[in-house]
C-alpha atoms as a PDB file:
ATOM      1  CA  UNK A   1      10.981  21.375 -16.169  1.00  0.00           C
ATOM      2  CA  UNK A   2      10.848  21.921 -12.841  1.00  0.00           C
ATOM      3  CA  UNK A   3      10.109  19.582  -9.196  1.00  0.00           C
ATOM      4  CA  UNK A   4      11.486  18.353  -6.397  1.00  0.00           C
ATOM      5  CA  UNK A   5      12.130  14.889  -5.080  1.00  0.00           C
ATOM      6  CA  UNK A   6      11.053  14.436  -0.893  1.00  0.00           C
ATOM      7  CA  UNK A   7      12.081  11.489   0.801  1.00  0.00           C
ATOM      8  CA  UNK A   8      10.115  10.163   3.841  1.00  0.00           C
ATOM      9  CA  UNK A   9      13.031   8.887   5.787  1.00  0.00           C
ATOM     10  CA  UNK A  10      11.587   6.993   9.430  1.00  0.00           C
ATOM     11  CA  UNK A  11      14.063   5.210  11.722  1.00  0.00           C
ATOM     12  CA  UNK A  12      11.571   2.651  13.214  1.00  0.00           C
ATOM     13  CA  UNK A  13      10.610  -0.066  11.114  1.00  0.00           C
ATOM     14  CA  UNK A  14       9.929  -3.643  12.529  1.00  0.00           C
ATOM     15  CA  UNK A  15      11.571  -5.479  10.336  1.00  0.00           C
ATOM     16  CA  UNK A  16      14.603  -3.734   9.607  1.00  0.00           C
ATOM     17  CA  UNK A  17      15.141  -1.330  12.667  1.00  0.00           C
ATOM     18  CA  UNK A  18      17.028   1.686  12.057  1.00  0.00           C
ATOM     19  CA  UNK A  19      16.631   1.088   8.281  1.00  0.00           C
ATOM     20  CA  UNK A  20      17.454   4.729   6.732  1.00  0.00           C
ATOM     21  CA  UNK A  21      20.602   4.545   8.553  1.00  0.00           C
ATOM     22  CA  UNK A  22      22.114   1.066   7.129  1.00  0.00           C
ATOM     23  CA  UNK A  23      25.231   0.537   5.524  1.00  0.00           C
ATOM     24  CA  UNK A  24      24.825  -0.162   1.612  1.00  0.00           C
ATOM     25  CA  UNK A  25      28.600   0.146   0.006  1.00  0.00           C
ATOM     26  CA  UNK A  26      30.024   2.280   2.891  1.00  0.00           C
ATOM     27  CA  UNK A  27      26.860   5.187   2.741  1.00  0.00           C
ATOM     28  CA  UNK A  28      23.698   5.312   4.263  1.00  0.00           C
ATOM     29  CA  UNK A  29      20.774   4.156   2.704  1.00  0.00           C
ATOM     30  CA  UNK A  30      19.039   7.307   2.792  1.00  0.00           C
ATOM     31  CA  UNK A  31      22.033   8.939   0.836  1.00  0.00           C
ATOM     32  CA  UNK A  32      22.103   6.584  -1.681  1.00  0.00           C
ATOM     33  CA  UNK A  33      18.351   7.080  -2.373  1.00  0.00           C
ATOM     34  CA  UNK A  34      19.080  10.849  -2.102  1.00  0.00           C
ATOM     35  CA  UNK A  35      21.908  10.523  -4.788  1.00  0.00           C
ATOM     36  CA  UNK A  36      19.858   8.536  -7.047  1.00  0.00           C
ATOM     37  CA  UNK A  37      16.924  11.155  -7.194  1.00  0.00           C
ATOM     38  CA  UNK A  38      19.126  14.016  -7.821  1.00  0.00           C
ATOM     39  CA  UNK A  39      20.546  11.892 -11.014  1.00  0.00           C
ATOM     40  CA  UNK A  40      16.903  12.311 -11.964  1.00  0.00           C
ATOM     41  CA  UNK A  41      17.469  16.415 -12.591  1.00  0.00           C
ATOM     42  CA  UNK A  42      15.451  17.321  -9.551  1.00  0.00           C
ATOM     43  CA  UNK A  43      15.625  20.790  -8.944  1.00  0.00           C
ATOM     44  CA  UNK A  44      16.010  20.304  -4.993  1.00  0.00           C
ATOM     45  CA  UNK A  45      16.354  16.474  -2.886  1.00  0.00           C
ATOM     46  CA  UNK A  46      15.314  16.795   0.656  1.00  0.00           C
ATOM     47  CA  UNK A  47      15.260  14.004   3.376  1.00  0.00           C
ATOM     48  CA  UNK A  48      12.090  14.424   5.815  1.00  0.00           C
ATOM     49  CA  UNK A  49      12.869  12.599   8.594  1.00  0.00           C
ATOM     50  CA  UNK A  50      11.541  11.682  11.672  1.00  0.00           C
ATOM     51  CA  UNK A  51      15.139  11.675  14.218  1.00  0.00           C
ATOM     52  CA  UNK A  52      17.814  13.986  14.239  1.00  0.00           C
ATOM     53  CA  UNK A  53      20.367  10.853  13.217  1.00  0.00           C
ATOM     54  CA  UNK A  54      19.208  10.506   9.875  1.00  0.00           C
ATOM     55  CA  UNK A  55      19.325  14.384   9.773  1.00  0.00           C
ATOM     56  CA  UNK A  56      22.921  14.475  10.933  1.00  0.00           C
ATOM     57  CA  UNK A  57      24.052  10.877   8.898  1.00  0.00           C
ATOM     58  CA  UNK A  58      22.684  13.181   5.416  1.00  0.00           C
ATOM     59  CA  UNK A  59      24.606  16.235   5.995  1.00  0.00           C
ATOM     60  CA  UNK A  60      27.958  14.577   6.367  1.00  0.00           C
ATOM     61  CA  UNK A  61      27.175  13.355   2.806  1.00  0.00           C
ATOM     62  CA  UNK A  62      25.683  16.830   1.278  1.00  0.00           C
ATOM     63  CA  UNK A  63      22.048  15.596   1.431  1.00  0.00           C
ATOM     64  CA  UNK A  64      19.994  18.633   2.577  1.00  0.00           C
ATOM     65  CA  UNK A  65      17.036  17.163   5.372  1.00  0.00           C
ATOM     66  CA  UNK A  66      14.875  18.018   7.371  1.00  0.00           C
ATOM     67  CA  UNK A  67      13.707  16.868  10.960  1.00  0.00           C
ATOM     68  CA  UNK A  68       9.839  16.584  10.854  1.00  0.00           C
ATOM     69  CA  UNK A  69       7.828  15.393  13.548  1.00  0.00           C
ATOM     70  CA  UNK A  70       7.628  11.815  14.632  1.00  0.00           C
ATOM     71  CA  UNK A  71       3.962  11.405  14.924  1.00  0.00           C
ATOM     72  CA  UNK A  72       2.621  11.632  11.525  1.00  0.00           C
ATOM     73  CA  UNK A  73      -0.093   8.528  10.753  1.00  0.00           C
ATOM     74  CA  UNK A  74       1.946   7.942   7.087  1.00  0.00           C
ATOM     75  CA  UNK A  75       4.838   9.066   4.493  1.00  0.00           C
ATOM     76  CA  UNK A  76       2.401  11.539   3.098  1.00  0.00           C
ATOM     77  CA  UNK A  77       1.514  13.346   6.288  1.00  0.00           C
ATOM     78  CA  UNK A  78       5.200  13.968   6.811  1.00  0.00           C
ATOM     79  CA  UNK A  79       5.677  15.638   3.285  1.00  0.00           C
ATOM     80  CA  UNK A  80       2.895  17.920   3.921  1.00  0.00           C
ATOM     81  CA  UNK A  81       4.758  18.681   6.639  1.00  0.00           C
ATOM     82  CA  UNK A  82       8.041  19.031   4.585  1.00  0.00           C
ATOM     83  CA  UNK A  83       6.196  21.114   1.610  1.00  0.00           C
ATOM     84  CA  UNK A  84       5.014  23.661   4.419  1.00  0.00           C
ATOM     85  CA  UNK A  85       8.457  23.961   5.984  1.00  0.00           C
ATOM     86  CA  UNK A  86       9.975  24.357   2.252  1.00  0.00           C
ATOM     87  CA  UNK A  87       7.389  27.150   1.500  1.00  0.00           C
ATOM     88  CA  UNK A  88       6.395  25.532  -1.628  1.00  0.00           C
ATOM     89  CA  UNK A  89       3.779  27.445  -4.091  1.00  0.00           C
ATOM     90  CA  UNK A  90       0.743  25.306  -4.326  1.00  0.00           C
ATOM     91  CA  UNK A  91       1.238  24.451  -7.790  1.00  0.00           C
ATOM     92  CA  UNK A  92       4.842  23.016  -7.532  1.00  0.00           C
ATOM     93  CA  UNK A  93       5.393  19.133  -8.617  1.00  0.00           C
ATOM     94  CA  UNK A  94       6.756  16.743  -5.654  1.00  0.00           C
ATOM     95  CA  UNK A  95       8.393  13.654  -5.766  1.00  0.00           C
ATOM     96  CA  UNK A  96       8.038  11.445  -3.466  1.00  0.00           C
ATOM     97  CA  UNK A  97      11.079   8.682  -3.731  1.00  0.00           C
ATOM     98  CA  UNK A  98      10.539   6.082  -0.724  1.00  0.00           C
ATOM     99  CA  UNK A  99      13.773   6.034   1.698  1.00  0.00           C
ATOM    100  CA  UNK A 100      14.129   2.035   0.991  1.00  0.00           C
ATOM    101  CA  UNK A 101      14.925   1.891  -3.125  1.00  0.00           C
ATOM    102  CA  UNK A 102      18.466   2.879  -3.361  1.00  0.00           C
ATOM    103  CA  UNK A 103      17.735   1.282  -6.816  1.00  0.00           C
ATOM    104  CA  UNK A 104      15.265   3.527  -7.623  1.00  0.00           C
ATOM    105  CA  UNK A 105      15.880   4.637 -12.012  1.00  0.00           C
ATOM    106  CA  UNK A 106      15.923   8.097 -11.792  1.00  0.00           C
ATOM    107  CA  UNK A 107      14.314   8.372 -15.109  1.00  0.00           C
ATOM    108  CA  UNK A 108      11.317   7.242 -13.556  1.00  0.00           C
ATOM    109  CA  UNK A 109      11.238   9.691 -11.019  1.00  0.00           C
ATOM    110  CA  UNK A 110      11.414  11.995 -13.926  1.00  0.00           C
ATOM    111  CA  UNK A 111       9.041  10.625 -16.239  1.00  0.00           C
ATOM    112  CA  UNK A 112       6.436  10.897 -13.420  1.00  0.00           C
ATOM    113  CA  UNK A 113       6.832  14.311 -12.549  1.00  0.00           C
ATOM    114  CA  UNK A 114       6.828  15.348 -16.050  1.00  0.00           C
ATOM    115  CA  UNK A 115       3.541  13.321 -16.786  1.00  0.00           C
ATOM    116  CA  UNK A 116       1.912  15.390 -13.680  1.00  0.00           C
ATOM    117  CA  UNK A 117       3.247  18.592 -15.812  1.00  0.00           C
ATOM    118  CA  UNK A 118       1.577  17.576 -19.064  1.00  0.00           C
ATOM    119  CA  UNK A 119      -1.924  16.518 -16.816  1.00  0.00           C
ATOM    120  CA  UNK A 120      -3.682  19.543 -15.568  1.00  0.00           C
ATOM    121  CA  UNK A 121      -6.427  17.906 -14.530  1.00  0.00           C
ATOM    122  CA  UNK A 122      -4.631  15.414 -12.105  1.00  0.00           C
ATOM    123  CA  UNK A 123      -3.719  15.954  -8.513  1.00  0.00           C
ATOM    124  CA  UNK A 124      -1.166  12.988  -8.725  1.00  0.00           C
ATOM    125  CA  UNK A 125       1.005  10.850 -10.994  1.00  0.00           C
ATOM    126  CA  UNK A 126       2.249   7.457 -10.406  1.00  0.00           C
ATOM    127  CA  UNK A 127       4.075   4.288 -12.258  1.00  0.00           C
ATOM    128  CA  UNK A 128       2.894   1.271 -13.226  1.00  0.00           C
ATOM    129  CA  UNK A 129       3.987  -2.221 -15.161  1.00  0.00           C
ATOM    130  CA  UNK A 130       2.893  -5.495 -16.727  1.00  0.00           C
ATOM    131  CA  UNK A 131       2.446  -8.423 -14.790  1.00  0.00           C
ATOM    132  CA  UNK A 132       4.247 -11.449 -16.206  1.00  0.00           C
ATOM    133  CA  UNK A 133       3.906 -14.244 -13.573  1.00  0.00           C
ATOM    134  CA  UNK A 134       0.725 -15.526 -12.241  1.00  0.00           C
ATOM    135  CA  UNK A 135       1.959 -16.060  -9.039  1.00  0.00           C
ATOM    136  CA  UNK A 136       2.620 -12.185  -8.953  1.00  0.00           C
ATOM    137  CA  UNK A 137      -0.637 -11.370 -10.027  1.00  0.00           C
ATOM    138  CA  UNK A 138      -2.013 -13.559  -7.431  1.00  0.00           C
ATOM    139  CA  UNK A 139       0.115 -12.120  -4.391  1.00  0.00           C
ATOM    140  CA  UNK A 140      -2.081  -9.531  -2.469  1.00  0.00           C
ATOM    141  CA  UNK A 141       1.790  -7.870  -1.497  1.00  0.00           C
ATOM    142  CA  UNK A 142       1.553  -7.388  -4.824  1.00  0.00           C
ATOM    143  CA  UNK A 143      -0.990  -4.383  -5.746  1.00  0.00           C
ATOM    144  CA  UNK A 144      -2.538  -3.682  -8.762  1.00  0.00           C
ATOM    145  CA  UNK A 145      -4.299  -1.190 -10.730  1.00  0.00           C
ATOM    146  CA  UNK A 146      -6.442  -0.796 -13.544  1.00  0.00           C
ATOM    147  CA  UNK A 147      -6.405   2.059 -15.850  1.00  0.00           C
ATOM    148  CA  UNK A 148      -9.203   3.904 -18.711  1.00  0.00           C
ATOM    149  CA  UNK A 149      -8.825   4.847 -22.048  1.00  0.00           C
ATOM    150  CA  UNK A 150      -7.391   8.348 -20.823  1.00  0.00           C
ATOM    151  CA  UNK A 151      -3.988   6.181 -18.468  1.00  0.00           C
ATOM    152  CA  UNK A 152      -6.079   7.678 -15.142  1.00  0.00           C
ATOM    153  CA  UNK A 153      -6.373   5.185 -12.243  1.00  0.00           C
ATOM    154  CA  UNK A 154      -9.438   3.632 -11.783  1.00  0.00           C
ATOM    155  CA  UNK A 155      -8.916   1.357  -9.212  1.00  0.00           C
ATOM    156  CA  UNK A 156      -5.918  -0.501  -6.687  1.00  0.00           C
ATOM    157  CA  UNK A 157      -6.336  -3.335  -5.611  1.00  0.00           C
ATOM    158  CA  UNK A 158      -4.187  -6.232  -3.444  1.00  0.00           C
ATOM    159  CA  UNK A 159      -6.483  -8.404  -5.532  1.00  0.00           C
ATOM    160  CA  UNK A 160      -5.769 -10.113  -8.998  1.00  0.00           C
ATOM    161  CA  UNK A 161      -7.699  -7.426 -11.176  1.00  0.00           C
ATOM    162  CA  UNK A 162      -8.802  -7.566 -14.014  1.00  0.00           C
ATOM    163  CA  UNK A 163     -10.405 -11.228 -13.238  1.00  0.00           C
ATOM    164  CA  UNK A 164     -10.486 -13.032 -16.822  1.00  0.00           C
ATOM    165  CA  UNK A 165     -14.030 -14.196 -16.588  1.00  0.00           C
ATOM    166  CA  UNK A 166     -14.820 -16.723 -18.885  1.00  0.00           C
ATOM    167  CA  UNK A 167     -10.857 -18.444 -18.232  1.00  0.00           C
ATOM    168  CA  UNK A 168     -10.842 -18.168 -14.483  1.00  0.00           C
ATOM    169  CA  UNK A 169     -11.286 -20.101 -11.124  1.00  0.00           C
ATOM    170  CA  UNK A 170     -10.842 -19.699  -8.144  1.00  0.00           C
ATOM    171  CA  UNK A 171      -9.258 -22.861  -8.164  1.00  0.00           C
ATOM    172  CA  UNK A 172      -7.647 -23.086 -11.250  1.00  0.00           C
ATOM    173  CA  UNK A 173      -7.031 -18.583 -11.775  1.00  0.00           C
ATOM    174  CA  UNK A 174      -5.334 -17.752 -15.324  1.00  0.00           C
ATOM    175  CA  UNK A 175      -3.149 -14.465 -16.085  1.00  0.00           C
ATOM    176  CA  UNK A 176      -5.427 -12.542 -18.189  1.00  0.00           C
ATOM    177  CA  UNK A 177      -3.546 -10.971 -21.719  1.00  0.00           C
ATOM    178  CA  UNK A 178      -5.242  -8.229 -22.551  1.00  0.00           C
ATOM    179  CA  UNK A 179      -5.646  -6.099 -21.064  1.00  0.00           C
ATOM    180  CA  UNK A 180      -1.909  -6.710 -19.183  1.00  0.00           C
ATOM    181  CA  UNK A 181      -2.707  -6.504 -15.478  1.00  0.00           C
ATOM    182  CA  UNK A 182      -0.353  -3.780 -14.310  1.00  0.00           C
ATOM    183  CA  UNK A 183       1.141  -4.259 -10.545  1.00  0.00           C
ATOM    184  CA  UNK A 184       1.739  -0.583  -9.091  1.00  0.00           C
ATOM    185  CA  UNK A 185       4.913   1.168  -8.320  1.00  0.00           C
ATOM    186  CA  UNK A 186       4.338   2.921  -4.873  1.00  0.00           C
ATOM    187  CA  UNK A 187       6.338   6.740  -6.367  1.00  0.00           C
ATOM    188  CA  UNK A 188       4.256   8.933  -6.810  1.00  0.00           C
ATOM    189  CA  UNK A 189       4.129  12.864  -8.152  1.00  0.00           C
ATOM    190  CA  UNK A 190       1.360  15.659  -6.588  1.00  0.00           C
ATOM    191  CA  UNK A 191       1.280  19.344  -6.493  1.00  0.00           C
ATOM    192  CA  UNK A 192       2.529  20.534  -3.345  1.00  0.00           C
ATOM    193  CA  UNK A 193      -1.400  22.063  -2.632  1.00  0.00           C
ATOM    194  CA  UNK A 194      -2.612  19.232  -2.978  1.00  0.00           C
ATOM    195  CA  UNK A 195      -0.561  16.654  -0.835  1.00  0.00           C
ATOM    196  CA  UNK A 196      -1.332  19.356   1.895  1.00  0.00           C
ATOM    197  CA  UNK A 197      -4.690  19.297   2.013  1.00  0.00           C
ATOM    198  CA  UNK A 198      -4.824  15.297   1.797  1.00  0.00           C
ATOM    199  CA  UNK A 199      -4.004  14.859   5.828  1.00  0.00           C
ATOM    200  CA  UNK A 200      -7.307  16.484   6.016  1.00  0.00           C
ATOM    201  CA  UNK A 201      -9.370  14.302   3.367  1.00  0.00           C
ATOM    202  CA  UNK A 202     -11.452  11.762   5.449  1.00  0.00           C
ATOM    203  CA  UNK A 203     -10.332   8.090   4.988  1.00  0.00           C
ATOM    204  CA  UNK A 204     -12.448   6.402   3.005  1.00  0.00           C
ATOM    205  CA  UNK A 205     -13.982   2.390   3.446  1.00  0.00           C
ATOM    206  CA  UNK A 206     -11.993   0.870   0.624  1.00  0.00           C
ATOM    207  CA  UNK A 207      -9.045   2.443   1.960  1.00  0.00           C
ATOM    208  CA  UNK A 208      -9.060   0.723   4.889  1.00  0.00           C
ATOM    209  CA  UNK A 209     -10.144  -2.421   3.293  1.00  0.00           C
ATOM    210  CA  UNK A 210      -7.511  -2.834   1.112  1.00  0.00           C
ATOM    211  CA  UNK A 211      -4.798  -1.014   3.231  1.00  0.00           C
ATOM    212  CA  UNK A 212      -3.826   0.939   0.099  1.00  0.00           C
ATOM    213  CA  UNK A 213      -3.975   4.891   0.760  1.00  0.00           C
ATOM    214  CA  UNK A 214      -3.900   6.371  -2.709  1.00  0.00           C
ATOM    215  CA  UNK A 215      -7.689   5.193  -2.875  1.00  0.00           C
ATOM    216  CA  UNK A 216      -8.567   7.488  -0.379  1.00  0.00           C
ATOM    217  CA  UNK A 217      -7.751  10.140  -3.258  1.00  0.00           C
ATOM    218  CA  UNK A 218      -9.717   7.891  -6.078  1.00  0.00           C
ATOM    219  CA  UNK A 219     -12.763   8.225  -3.276  1.00  0.00           C
ATOM    220  CA  UNK A 220     -13.137  11.708  -3.150  1.00  0.00           C
ATOM    221  CA  UNK A 221     -13.248  12.213  -6.537  1.00  0.00           C
ATOM    222  CA  UNK A 222      -9.656  13.585  -7.795  1.00  0.00           C
ATOM    223  CA  UNK A 223      -7.693  11.942 -10.890  1.00  0.00           C
ATOM    224  CA  UNK A 224      -3.952   9.767 -10.553  1.00  0.00           C
ATOM    225  CA  UNK A 225      -1.989   9.688 -14.127  1.00  0.00           C
ATOM    226  CA  UNK A 226      -0.117   6.402 -14.204  1.00  0.00           C
ATOM    227  CA  UNK A 227       2.699   5.616 -16.437  1.00  0.00           C
ATOM    228  CA  UNK A 228       3.183   2.247 -17.421  1.00  0.00           C
ATOM    229  CA  UNK A 229       6.811   1.564 -17.621  1.00  0.00           C
ATOM    230  CA  UNK A 230       7.981  -1.707 -19.855  1.00  0.00           C
ATOM    231  CA  UNK A 231      10.347  -2.718 -16.891  1.00  0.00           C
ATOM    232  CA  UNK A 232       9.800  -3.292 -12.985  1.00  0.00           C
ATOM    233  CA  UNK A 233      11.914  -0.645 -11.339  1.00  0.00           C
ATOM    234  CA  UNK A 234      15.211  -2.385  -9.053  1.00  0.00           C
ATOM    235  CA  UNK A 235      13.877  -3.976  -5.553  1.00  0.00           C
ATOM    236  CA  UNK A 236      13.063  -2.029  -2.542  1.00  0.00           C
ATOM    237  CA  UNK A 237      14.682  -2.793   0.512  1.00  0.00           C
ATOM    238  CA  UNK A 238      11.782  -4.225   3.267  1.00  0.00           C
ATOM    239  CA  UNK A 239      14.167  -7.030   5.253  1.00  0.00           C
ATOM    240  CA  UNK A 240      17.437  -7.939   6.086  1.00  0.00           C
ATOM    241  CA  UNK A 241      17.177 -11.009   2.954  1.00  0.00           C
ATOM    242  CA  UNK A 242      16.405  -7.462   0.889  1.00  0.00           C
ATOM    243  CA  UNK A 243      19.296  -5.164   1.984  1.00  0.00           C
ATOM    244  CA  UNK A 244      21.984  -8.473   1.262  1.00  0.00           C
ATOM    245  CA  UNK A 245      20.820  -8.602  -1.800  1.00  0.00           C
ATOM    246  CA  UNK A 246      21.497  -5.227  -2.621  1.00  0.00           C
ATOM    247  CA  UNK A 247      24.410  -4.830  -0.625  1.00  0.00           C
ATOM    248  CA  UNK A 248      25.805  -7.222  -2.976  1.00  0.00           C
ATOM    249  CA  UNK A 249      24.647  -5.425  -6.031  1.00  0.00           C
ATOM    250  CA  UNK A 250      27.166  -2.309  -4.776  1.00  0.00           C
ATOM    251  CA  UNK A 251      29.984  -4.473  -4.692  1.00  0.00           C
END
């Protein structure tokens, strides 16, 4: 099975400036992410950066990196440019691993790629895991996904879905047991041809309302396959506190 991993890396970050270059156990975070991604068996791992300092840091540690435009609206736009720069065939499978996931499970990366290889009817694949805590179910920062009988995404939302009508109220909500609600994991595999077309698709109203880019894919009638894992992935790094927790794990 052949696939590439692309890692978008943007130097500016509101909550953690210079995040891709943050030191974790003696290596820049983006290098740690690339090393984890390489363990998935990917044919190539490439960082798509918006700043020469990220490219230089990657090259200093034998990680391939490309300099992309600074004005991309999203990581998907950056990856679309990287696909063109790499000359990837339209049917090539590309896995988008976020540059702030130094604990990403290489097996999950490989499984997302394999799922897209298995599903010719889908342009993308992603991952999810069961939600066990009511607070996560109710948290708008925890994105939920509901699947159909074929394991395809029906809808993504920040709202608690599916809602248990007969046992939950707004004042006293309950966590459904069957089906168990699923937390979406922000790991995606794409066909390179679709990824290059994606920025030209018109954004949808639901995408703007929920602030979830993947809803644009469903809005335009495309399908997303979802791998459900038993366990939650390792924590990402969004804040200084997250960074300290990850540094402690590496120590």
